[in-house]
Amino acid sequence: MTEQTRCPICGKPSAPAFRPFCSRRCADVDLGRWFSGDYRVPEPIADKEDEKSRKDDDLLS
């Protein structure tokens, strides 16, 4: 038996045409949240530290 996926916006069962959403409206709500900056992908902390150490190394050279 397969488990029904739920829409992450409203919680209704998802529709195959709009998966993982239940409708075009919920898909558009999600897209609008990305555009407005409500969702963000965090920067990796290691990259910032590596960049800082490279800058420090350049200053010492």
PDB file of N, CA and C in Angstrom:
ATOM      1  N   MET A   1       0.838  -1.177   0.000  1.00  0.00           N
ATOM      2  CA  MET A   1       0.000   0.000   0.000  1.00  0.00           C
ATOM      3  C   MET A   1       0.892   1.252   0.000  1.00  0.00           C
ATOM      4  N   THR A   2       0.566   2.227  -0.848  1.00  0.00           N
ATOM      5  CA  THR A   2       1.360   3.448  -0.920  1.00  0.00           C
ATOM      6  C   THR A   2       0.748   4.519  -0.026  1.00  0.00           C
ATOM      7  N   GLU A   3       1.605   5.314   0.558  1.00  0.00           N
ATOM      8  CA  GLU A   3       1.154   6.397   1.426  1.00  0.00           C
ATOM      9  C   GLU A   3       0.869   7.626   0.574  1.00  0.00           C
ATOM     10  N   GLN A   4      -0.271   8.271   0.804  1.00  0.00           N
ATOM     11  CA  GLN A   4      -0.660   9.468   0.064  1.00  0.00           C
ATOM     12  C   GLN A   4       0.185  10.657   0.530  1.00  0.00           C
ATOM     13  N   THR A   5       0.792  11.339  -0.418  1.00  0.00           N
ATOM     14  CA  THR A   5       1.579  12.533  -0.116  1.00  0.00           C
ATOM     15  C   THR A   5       0.629  13.701   0.132  1.00  0.00           C
ATOM     16  N   ARG A   6       0.975  14.520   1.105  1.00  0.00           N
ATOM     17  CA  ARG A   6       0.162  15.686   1.452  1.00  0.00           C
ATOM     18  C   ARG A   6       0.796  16.956   0.886  1.00  0.00           C
ATOM     19  N   CYS A   7      -0.047  17.893   0.517  1.00  0.00           N
ATOM     20  CA  CYS A   7       0.396  19.196   0.018  1.00  0.00           C
ATOM     21  C   CYS A   7       1.097  19.941   1.159  1.00  0.00           C
ATOM     22  N   PRO A   8       2.305  20.458   0.922  1.00  0.00           N
ATOM     23  CA  PRO A   8       3.017  21.172   1.988  1.00  0.00           C
ATOM     24  C   PRO A   8       2.412  22.538   2.320  1.00  0.00           C
ATOM     25  N   ILE A   9       1.528  23.041   1.480  1.00  0.00           N
ATOM     26  CA  ILE A   9       0.918  24.351   1.726  1.00  0.00           C
ATOM     27  C   ILE A   9      -0.367  24.223   2.546  1.00  0.00           C
ATOM     28  N   CYS A  10      -1.281  23.341   2.104  1.00  0.00           N
ATOM     29  CA  CYS A  10      -2.582  23.261   2.782  1.00  0.00           C
ATOM     30  C   CYS A  10      -2.864  21.930   3.458  1.00  0.00           C
ATOM     31  N   GLY A  11      -2.086  20.897   3.169  1.00  0.00           N
ATOM     32  CA  GLY A  11      -2.263  19.613   3.820  1.00  0.00           C
ATOM     33  C   GLY A  11      -3.218  18.656   3.124  1.00  0.00           C
ATOM     34  N   LYS A  12      -3.845  19.078   2.034  1.00  0.00           N
ATOM     35  CA  LYS A  12      -4.734  18.190   1.289  1.00  0.00           C
ATOM     36  C   LYS A  12      -3.890  17.145   0.549  1.00  0.00           C
ATOM     37  N   PRO A  13      -4.513  16.044   0.115  1.00  0.00           N
ATOM     38  CA  PRO A  13      -3.765  15.052  -0.677  1.00  0.00           C
ATOM     39  C   PRO A  13      -3.218  15.688  -1.965  1.00  0.00           C
ATOM     40  N   SER A  14      -2.002  15.354  -2.334  1.00  0.00           N
ATOM     41  CA  SER A  14      -1.401  15.949  -3.524  1.00  0.00           C
ATOM     42  C   SER A  14      -2.019  15.365  -4.786  1.00  0.00           C
ATOM     43  N   ALA A  15      -1.984  16.150  -5.855  1.00  0.00           N
ATOM     44  CA  ALA A  15      -2.491  15.726  -7.158  1.00  0.00           C
ATOM     45  C   ALA A  15      -1.296  15.396  -8.046  1.00  0.00           C
ATOM     46  N   PRO A  16      -1.369  14.306  -8.802  1.00  0.00           N
ATOM     47  CA  PRO A  16      -0.229  13.927  -9.651  1.00  0.00           C
ATOM     48  C   PRO A  16       0.229  15.046 -10.592  1.00  0.00           C
ATOM     49  N   ALA A  17      -0.685  15.833 -11.100  1.00  0.00           N
ATOM     50  CA  ALA A  17      -0.325  16.907 -12.034  1.00  0.00           C
ATOM     51  C   ALA A  17       0.461  18.030 -11.369  1.00  0.00           C
ATOM     52  N   PHE A  18       0.305  18.200 -10.071  1.00  0.00           N
ATOM     53  CA  PHE A  18       0.942  19.315  -9.360  1.00  0.00           C
ATOM     54  C   PHE A  18       1.838  18.846  -8.231  1.00  0.00           C
ATOM     55  N   ARG A  19       2.190  17.607  -8.212  1.00  0.00           N
ATOM     56  CA  ARG A  19       2.953  17.008  -7.130  1.00  0.00           C
ATOM     57  C   ARG A  19       4.185  17.817  -6.777  1.00  0.00           C
ATOM     58  N   PRO A  20       4.468  18.133  -5.557  1.00  0.00           N
ATOM     59  CA  PRO A  20       3.886  17.632  -4.324  1.00  0.00           C
ATOM     60  C   PRO A  20       2.675  18.429  -3.846  1.00  0.00           C
ATOM     61  N   PHE A  21       2.188  19.342  -4.675  1.00  0.00           N
ATOM     62  CA  PHE A  21       1.070  20.200  -4.280  1.00  0.00           C
ATOM     63  C   PHE A  21      -0.254  19.588  -4.714  1.00  0.00           C
ATOM     64  N   CYS A  22      -1.356  20.149  -4.200  1.00  0.00           N
ATOM     65  CA  CYS A  22      -2.680  19.635  -4.546  1.00  0.00           C
ATOM     66  C   CYS A  22      -3.292  20.376  -5.729  1.00  0.00           C
ATOM     67  N   SER A  23      -2.785  21.580  -6.014  1.00  0.00           N
ATOM     68  CA  SER A  23      -3.383  22.397  -7.071  1.00  0.00           C
ATOM     69  C   SER A  23      -2.369  23.419  -7.579  1.00  0.00           C
ATOM     70  N   ARG A  24      -2.729  24.055  -8.677  1.00  0.00           N
ATOM     71  CA  ARG A  24      -1.906  25.133  -9.239  1.00  0.00           C
ATOM     72  C   ARG A  24      -1.796  26.277  -8.235  1.00  0.00           C
ATOM     73  N   ARG A  25      -2.873  26.550  -7.510  1.00  0.00           N
ATOM     74  CA  ARG A  25      -2.864  27.640  -6.523  1.00  0.00           C
ATOM     75  C   ARG A  25      -1.797  27.420  -5.461  1.00  0.00           C
ATOM     76  N   CYS A  26      -1.739  26.212  -4.881  1.00  0.00           N
ATOM     77  CA  CYS A  26      -0.745  25.935  -3.842  1.00  0.00           C
ATOM     78  C   CYS A  26       0.670  25.975  -4.412  1.00  0.00           C
ATOM     79  N   ALA A  27       0.841  25.521  -5.644  1.00  0.00           N
ATOM     80  CA  ALA A  27       2.153  25.601  -6.293  1.00  0.00           C
ATOM     81  C   ALA A  27       2.569  27.058  -6.467  1.00  0.00           C
ATOM     82  N   ASP A  28       1.609  27.909  -6.854  1.00  0.00           N
ATOM     83  CA  ASP A  28       1.901  29.339  -7.022  1.00  0.00           C
ATOM     84  C   ASP A  28       2.184  30.023  -5.688  1.00  0.00           C
ATOM     85  N   VAL A  29       1.490  29.627  -4.634  1.00  0.00           N
ATOM     86  CA  VAL A  29       1.755  30.175  -3.291  1.00  0.00           C
ATOM     87  C   VAL A  29       3.196  29.849  -2.898  1.00  0.00           C
ATOM     88  N   ASP A  30       3.616  28.609  -3.122  1.00  0.00           N
ATOM     89  CA  ASP A  30       4.982  28.199  -2.799  1.00  0.00           C
ATOM     90  C   ASP A  30       6.002  28.998  -3.611  1.00  0.00           C
ATOM     91  N   LEU A  31       5.760  29.157  -4.905  1.00  0.00           N
ATOM     92  CA  LEU A  31       6.667  29.922  -5.756  1.00  0.00           C
ATOM     93  C   LEU A  31       6.757  31.369  -5.286  1.00  0.00           C
ATOM     94  N   GLY A  32       5.624  31.937  -4.915  1.00  0.00           N
ATOM     95  CA  GLY A  32       5.615  33.310  -4.397  1.00  0.00           C
ATOM     96  C   GLY A  32       6.433  33.446  -3.121  1.00  0.00           C
ATOM     97  N   ARG A  33       6.410  32.422  -2.288  1.00  0.00           N
ATOM     98  CA  ARG A  33       7.224  32.460  -1.059  1.00  0.00           C
ATOM     99  C   ARG A  33       8.713  32.446  -1.390  1.00  0.00           C
ATOM    100  N   TRP A  34       9.101  31.699  -2.420  1.00  0.00           N
ATOM    101  CA  TRP A  34      10.516  31.712  -2.828  1.00  0.00           C
ATOM    102  C   TRP A  34      10.900  33.094  -3.361  1.00  0.00           C
ATOM    103  N   PHE A  35      10.043  33.663  -4.207  1.00  0.00           N
ATOM    104  CA  PHE A  35      10.340  34.975  -4.791  1.00  0.00           C
ATOM    105  C   PHE A  35      10.405  36.081  -3.749  1.00  0.00           C
ATOM    106  N   SER A  36       9.566  35.998  -2.724  1.00  0.00           N
ATOM    107  CA  SER A  36       9.547  37.055  -1.705  1.00  0.00           C
ATOM    108  C   SER A  36      10.658  36.895  -0.670  1.00  0.00           C
ATOM    109  N   GLY A  37      11.373  35.769  -0.711  1.00  0.00           N
ATOM    110  CA  GLY A  37      12.475  35.563   0.224  1.00  0.00           C
ATOM    111  C   GLY A  37      12.057  34.876   1.512  1.00  0.00           C
ATOM    112  N   ASP A  38      10.822  34.378   1.579  1.00  0.00           N
ATOM    113  CA  ASP A  38      10.394  33.657   2.777  1.00  0.00           C
ATOM    114  C   ASP A  38      11.201  32.378   2.974  1.00  0.00           C
ATOM    115  N   TYR A  39      11.563  31.729   1.861  1.00  0.00           N
ATOM    116  CA  TYR A  39      12.404  30.538   1.919  1.00  0.00           C
ATOM    117  C   TYR A  39      13.815  30.951   1.533  1.00  0.00           C
ATOM    118  N   ARG A  40      14.788  30.416   2.232  1.00  0.00           N
ATOM    119  CA  ARG A  40      16.186  30.705   1.903  1.00  0.00           C
ATOM    120  C   ARG A  40      17.001  29.432   2.026  1.00  0.00           C
ATOM    121  N   VAL A  41      17.977  29.285   1.159  1.00  0.00           N
ATOM    122  CA  VAL A  41      18.918  28.180   1.261  1.00  0.00           C
ATOM    123  C   VAL A  41      20.126  28.726   2.005  1.00  0.00           C
ATOM    124  N   PRO A  42      20.444  28.176   3.178  1.00  0.00           N
ATOM    125  CA  PRO A  42      21.563  28.716   3.961  1.00  0.00           C
ATOM    126  C   PRO A  42      22.897  28.469   3.272  1.00  0.00           C
ATOM    127  N   GLU A  43      23.807  29.411   3.459  1.00  0.00           N
ATOM    128  CA  GLU A  43      25.162  29.247   2.930  1.00  0.00           C
ATOM    129  C   GLU A  43      25.918  28.268   3.810  1.00  0.00           C
ATOM    130  N   PRO A  44      26.722  27.430   3.204  1.00  0.00           N
ATOM    131  CA  PRO A  44      27.537  26.526   4.023  1.00  0.00           C
ATOM    132  C   PRO A  44      28.532  27.316   4.870  1.00  0.00           C
ATOM    133  N   ILE A  45      28.612  27.021   6.141  1.00  0.00           N
ATOM    134  CA  ILE A  45      29.515  27.727   7.051  1.00  0.00           C
ATOM    135  C   ILE A  45      30.968  27.458   6.672  1.00  0.00           C
ATOM    136  N   ALA A  46      31.280  26.256   6.258  1.00  0.00           N
ATOM    137  CA  ALA A  46      32.652  25.888   5.905  1.00  0.00           C
ATOM    138  C   ALA A  46      33.184  26.756   4.778  1.00  0.00           C
ATOM    139  N   ASP A  47      32.338  27.094   3.813  1.00  0.00           N
ATOM    140  CA  ASP A  47      32.793  27.916   2.699  1.00  0.00           C
ATOM    141  C   ASP A  47      33.219  29.302   3.170  1.00  0.00           C
ATOM    142  N   LYS A  48      32.479  29.892   4.097  1.00  0.00           N
ATOM    143  CA  LYS A  48      32.844  31.202   4.614  1.00  0.00           C
ATOM    144  C   LYS A  48      34.182  31.147   5.345  1.00  0.00           C
ATOM    145  N   GLU A  49      34.391  30.100   6.133  1.00  0.00           N
ATOM    146  CA  GLU A  49      35.655  29.964   6.863  1.00  0.00           C
ATOM    147  C   GLU A  49      36.818  29.744   5.906  1.00  0.00           C
ATOM    148  N   ASP A  50      36.601  28.927   4.875  1.00  0.00           N
ATOM    149  CA  ASP A  50      37.654  28.687   3.890  1.00  0.00           C
ATOM    150  C   ASP A  50      38.009  29.971   3.152  1.00  0.00           C
ATOM    151  N   GLU A  51      36.991  30.759   2.797  1.00  0.00           N
ATOM    152  CA  GLU A  51      37.224  32.008   2.087  1.00  0.00           C
ATOM    153  C   GLU A  51      38.001  32.984   2.966  1.00  0.00           C
ATOM    154  N   LYS A  52      37.639  33.062   4.239  1.00  0.00           N
ATOM    155  CA  LYS A  52      38.333  33.963   5.167  1.00  0.00           C
ATOM    156  C   LYS A  52      39.789  33.544   5.326  1.00  0.00           C
ATOM    157  N   SER A  53      40.040  32.240   5.456  1.00  0.00           N
ATOM    158  CA  SER A  53      41.425  31.787   5.629  1.00  0.00           C
ATOM    159  C   SER A  53      42.236  32.044   4.360  1.00  0.00           C
ATOM    160  N   ARG A  54      41.591  31.947   3.184  1.00  0.00           N
ATOM    161  CA  ARG A  54      42.315  32.248   1.947  1.00  0.00           C
ATOM    162  C   ARG A  54      42.666  33.734   1.880  1.00  0.00           C
ATOM    163  N   LYS A  55      41.747  34.603   2.314  1.00  0.00           N
ATOM    164  CA  LYS A  55      42.024  36.036   2.323  1.00  0.00           C
ATOM    165  C   LYS A  55      43.163  36.342   3.293  1.00  0.00           C
ATOM    166  N   ASP A  56      43.143  35.696   4.460  1.00  0.00           N
ATOM    167  CA  ASP A  56      44.200  35.905   5.442  1.00  0.00           C
ATOM    168  C   ASP A  56      45.547  35.438   4.890  1.00  0.00           C
ATOM    169  N   ASP A  57      45.551  34.304   4.186  1.00  0.00           N
ATOM    170  CA  ASP A  57      46.783  33.792   3.576  1.00  0.00           C
ATOM    171  C   ASP A  57      47.319  34.753   2.516  1.00  0.00           C
ATOM    172  N   ASP A  58      46.404  35.362   1.741  1.00  0.00           N
ATOM    173  CA  ASP A  58      46.827  36.306   0.723  1.00  0.00           C
ATOM    174  C   ASP A  58      47.448  37.547   1.350  1.00  0.00           C
ATOM    175  N   LEU A  59      46.917  37.978   2.476  1.00  0.00           N
ATOM    176  CA  LEU A  59      47.459  39.154   3.151  1.00  0.00           C
ATOM    177  C   LEU A  59      48.868  38.885   3.717  1.00  0.00           C
ATOM    178  N   LEU A  60      49.078  37.654   4.150  1.00  0.00           N
ATOM    179  CA  LEU A  60      50.379  37.288   4.718  1.00  0.00           C
ATOM    180  C   LEU A  60      51.442  37.088   3.636  1.00  0.00           C
ATOM    181  N   SER A  61      51.033  36.818   2.409  1.00  0.00           N
ATOM    182  CA  SER A  61      51.999  36.555   1.327  1.00  0.00           C
ATOM    183  C   SER A  61      52.625  37.799   0.805  1.00  0.00           C
TER     184      SER A  61
END
